[in-house]
Amino acid sequence: MPLKTRTWEGIVSTIFNIWDDSMDRWLDDIDSETIRHMVDHYLEKVTTGRYTAKNICITHFNNAGVKKVNFYEAAY
Protein backbone atom coordinates (compact mmCIF):
# COMPACT_ATOMS: atom_id res chain seq x y z
CA MET A 1 0.00 0.00 0.00
CA PRO A 2 1.50 3.37 -0.97
CA LEU A 3 2.14 5.87 1.79
CA LYS A 4 0.04 8.99 1.90
CA THR A 5 1.65 12.34 1.15
CA ARG A 6 1.14 13.42 4.76
CA THR A 7 3.01 10.34 6.00
CA TRP A 8 5.95 11.05 3.68
CA GLU A 9 6.05 14.67 4.78
CA GLY A 10 6.23 13.54 8.41
CA ILE A 11 9.05 11.12 7.63
CA VAL A 12 11.05 13.71 5.71
CA SER A 13 10.66 16.28 8.47
CA THR A 14 11.76 13.88 11.25
CA ILE A 15 14.27 11.48 9.69
CA PHE A 16 17.28 13.36 11.12
CA ASN A 17 15.73 13.87 14.58
CA ILE A 18 16.43 11.45 17.41
CA TRP A 19 15.39 12.23 20.97
CA ASP A 20 17.18 10.37 23.74
CA ASP A 21 15.08 10.30 26.90
CA SER A 22 17.89 8.99 29.08
CA MET A 23 20.11 11.96 28.17
CA ASP A 24 17.15 14.37 27.90
CA ARG A 25 18.45 15.84 24.67
CA TRP A 26 18.34 15.64 20.89
CA LEU A 27 21.09 13.64 19.25
CA ASP A 28 22.07 16.32 16.82
CA ASP A 29 25.05 14.77 15.07
CA ILE A 30 22.84 12.93 12.59
CA ASP A 31 23.78 13.48 8.95
CA SER A 32 22.96 11.67 5.72
CA GLU A 33 25.91 9.27 6.09
CA THR A 34 24.78 8.33 9.60
CA ILE A 35 21.22 7.73 8.39
CA ARG A 36 22.54 5.60 5.52
CA HIS A 37 24.54 3.49 7.98
CA MET A 38 21.51 3.18 10.25
CA VAL A 39 19.31 2.07 7.33
CA ASP A 40 21.88 -0.54 6.28
CA HIS A 41 22.02 -1.80 9.87
CA TYR A 42 18.21 -1.81 10.14
CA LEU A 43 17.75 -3.74 6.90
CA GLU A 44 20.38 -6.28 7.88
CA LYS A 45 18.73 -6.73 11.27
CA VAL A 46 15.15 -7.06 10.02
CA THR A 47 16.01 -9.47 7.23
CA THR A 48 17.98 -11.81 9.49
CA GLY A 49 16.18 -11.35 12.80
CA ARG A 50 12.82 -11.86 14.38
CA TYR A 51 11.01 -9.33 12.19
CA THR A 52 8.63 -10.20 9.41
CA ALA A 53 8.38 -8.58 6.00
CA LYS A 54 5.48 -6.41 7.16
CA ASN A 55 7.84 -4.62 9.59
CA ILE A 56 10.31 -3.61 6.90
CA CYS A 57 9.21 -0.11 5.99
CA ILE A 58 10.33 3.48 6.36
CA THR A 59 7.63 4.24 8.91
CA HIS A 60 8.88 1.44 11.19
CA PHE A 61 12.50 2.57 10.79
CA ASN A 62 11.51 6.19 11.53
CA ASN A 63 9.68 5.28 14.74
CA ALA A 64 11.40 7.23 17.54
CA GLY A 65 12.25 4.17 19.62
CA VAL A 66 13.34 2.02 16.69
CA LYS A 67 15.45 4.84 15.27
CA LYS A 68 17.19 5.47 18.60
CA VAL A 69 18.04 1.79 18.99
CA ASN A 70 19.38 1.65 15.42
CA PHE A 71 21.42 4.77 16.02
CA TYR A 72 23.21 3.24 19.00
CA GLU A 73 23.52 -0.23 17.49
CA ALA A 74 24.91 1.11 14.22
CA ALA A 75 27.32 3.41 16.02
CA TYR A 76 28.79 0.82 18.36
C-alpha atoms as a PDB file:
ATOM      1  CA  MET A   1       0.000   0.000   0.000  1.00  0.00           C
ATOM      2  CA  PRO A   2       1.504   3.367  -0.975  1.00  0.00           C
ATOM      3  CA  LEU A   3       2.138   5.866   1.786  1.00  0.00           C
ATOM      4  CA  LYS A   4       0.043   8.994   1.902  1.00  0.00           C
ATOM      5  CA  THR A   5       1.648  12.339   1.154  1.00  0.00           C
ATOM      6  CA  ARG A   6       1.136  13.420   4.764  1.00  0.00           C
ATOM      7  CA  THR A   7       3.008  10.340   6.001  1.00  0.00           C
ATOM      8  CA  TRP A   8       5.951  11.049   3.680  1.00  0.00           C
ATOM      9  CA  GLU A   9       6.045  14.673   4.784  1.00  0.00           C
ATOM     10  CA  GLY A  10       6.230  13.539   8.409  1.00  0.00           C
ATOM     11  CA  ILE A  11       9.049  11.120   7.630  1.00  0.00           C
ATOM     12  CA  VAL A  12      11.050  13.709   5.711  1.00  0.00           C
ATOM     13  CA  SER A  13      10.657  16.278   8.471  1.00  0.00           C
ATOM     14  CA  THR A  14      11.756  13.882  11.248  1.00  0.00           C
ATOM     15  CA  ILE A  15      14.267  11.476   9.690  1.00  0.00           C
ATOM     16  CA  PHE A  16      17.277  13.360  11.118  1.00  0.00           C
ATOM     17  CA  ASN A  17      15.728  13.866  14.578  1.00  0.00           C
ATOM     18  CA  ILE A  18      16.428  11.446  17.405  1.00  0.00           C
ATOM     19  CA  TRP A  19      15.388  12.231  20.968  1.00  0.00           C
ATOM     20  CA  ASP A  20      17.184  10.367  23.745  1.00  0.00           C
ATOM     21  CA  ASP A  21      15.077  10.298  26.904  1.00  0.00           C
ATOM     22  CA  SER A  22      17.893   8.993  29.078  1.00  0.00           C
ATOM     23  CA  MET A  23      20.106  11.960  28.170  1.00  0.00           C
ATOM     24  CA  ASP A  24      17.152  14.372  27.904  1.00  0.00           C
ATOM     25  CA  ARG A  25      18.452  15.842  24.666  1.00  0.00           C
ATOM     26  CA  TRP A  26      18.338  15.642  20.893  1.00  0.00           C
ATOM     27  CA  LEU A  27      21.088  13.639  19.250  1.00  0.00           C
ATOM     28  CA  ASP A  28      22.071  16.322  16.817  1.00  0.00           C
ATOM     29  CA  ASP A  29      25.050  14.771  15.070  1.00  0.00           C
ATOM     30  CA  ILE A  30      22.840  12.933  12.590  1.00  0.00           C
ATOM     31  CA  ASP A  31      23.778  13.480   8.949  1.00  0.00           C
ATOM     32  CA  SER A  32      22.962  11.669   5.716  1.00  0.00           C
ATOM     33  CA  GLU A  33      25.912   9.266   6.085  1.00  0.00           C
ATOM     34  CA  THR A  34      24.779   8.333   9.599  1.00  0.00           C
ATOM     35  CA  ILE A  35      21.219   7.733   8.390  1.00  0.00           C
ATOM     36  CA  ARG A  36      22.538   5.605   5.515  1.00  0.00           C
ATOM     37  CA  HIS A  37      24.541   3.487   7.978  1.00  0.00           C
ATOM     38  CA  MET A  38      21.511   3.182  10.254  1.00  0.00           C
ATOM     39  CA  VAL A  39      19.307   2.074   7.334  1.00  0.00           C
ATOM     40  CA  ASP A  40      21.876  -0.540   6.282  1.00  0.00           C
ATOM     41  CA  HIS A  41      22.019  -1.800   9.868  1.00  0.00           C
ATOM     42  CA  TYR A  42      18.214  -1.807  10.143  1.00  0.00           C
ATOM     43  CA  LEU A  43      17.747  -3.741   6.902  1.00  0.00           C
ATOM     44  CA  GLU A  44      20.377  -6.283   7.877  1.00  0.00           C
ATOM     45  CA  LYS A  45      18.729  -6.727  11.271  1.00  0.00           C
ATOM     46  CA  VAL A  46      15.154  -7.057  10.022  1.00  0.00           C
ATOM     47  CA  THR A  47      16.015  -9.474   7.232  1.00  0.00           C
ATOM     48  CA  THR A  48      17.979 -11.809   9.493  1.00  0.00           C
ATOM     49  CA  GLY A  49      16.182 -11.355  12.798  1.00  0.00           C
ATOM     50  CA  ARG A  50      12.822 -11.858  14.377  1.00  0.00           C
ATOM     51  CA  TYR A  51      11.015  -9.331  12.195  1.00  0.00           C
ATOM     52  CA  THR A  52       8.629 -10.202   9.406  1.00  0.00           C
ATOM     53  CA  ALA A  53       8.375  -8.581   6.000  1.00  0.00           C
ATOM     54  CA  LYS A  54       5.483  -6.409   7.165  1.00  0.00           C
ATOM     55  CA  ASN A  55       7.838  -4.624   9.587  1.00  0.00           C
ATOM     56  CA  ILE A  56      10.307  -3.606   6.898  1.00  0.00           C
ATOM     57  CA  CYS A  57       9.214  -0.110   5.990  1.00  0.00           C
ATOM     58  CA  ILE A  58      10.334   3.477   6.356  1.00  0.00           C
ATOM     59  CA  THR A  59       7.634   4.239   8.912  1.00  0.00           C
ATOM     60  CA  HIS A  60       8.876   1.443  11.190  1.00  0.00           C
ATOM     61  CA  PHE A  61      12.497   2.574  10.787  1.00  0.00           C
ATOM     62  CA  ASN A  62      11.513   6.190  11.534  1.00  0.00           C
ATOM     63  CA  ASN A  63       9.677   5.285  14.743  1.00  0.00           C
ATOM     64  CA  ALA A  64      11.397   7.231  17.537  1.00  0.00           C
ATOM     65  CA  GLY A  65      12.247   4.173  19.619  1.00  0.00           C
ATOM     66  CA  VAL A  66      13.344   2.023  16.689  1.00  0.00           C
ATOM     67  CA  LYS A  67      15.451   4.844  15.268  1.00  0.00           C
ATOM     68  CA  LYS A  68      17.187   5.472  18.598  1.00  0.00           C
ATOM     69  CA  VAL A  69      18.044   1.786  18.991  1.00  0.00           C
ATOM     70  CA  ASN A  70      19.381   1.652  15.425  1.00  0.00           C
ATOM     71  CA  PHE A  71      21.423   4.771  16.015  1.00  0.00           C
ATOM     72  CA  TYR A  72      23.210   3.240  19.001  1.00  0.00           C
ATOM     73  CA  GLU A  73      23.522  -0.233  17.490  1.00  0.00           C
ATOM     74  CA  ALA A  74      24.906   1.111  14.220  1.00  0.00           C
ATOM     75  CA  ALA A  75      27.321   3.414  16.024  1.00  0.00           C
ATOM     76  CA  TYR A  76      28.792   0.817  18.363  1.00  0.00           C
END
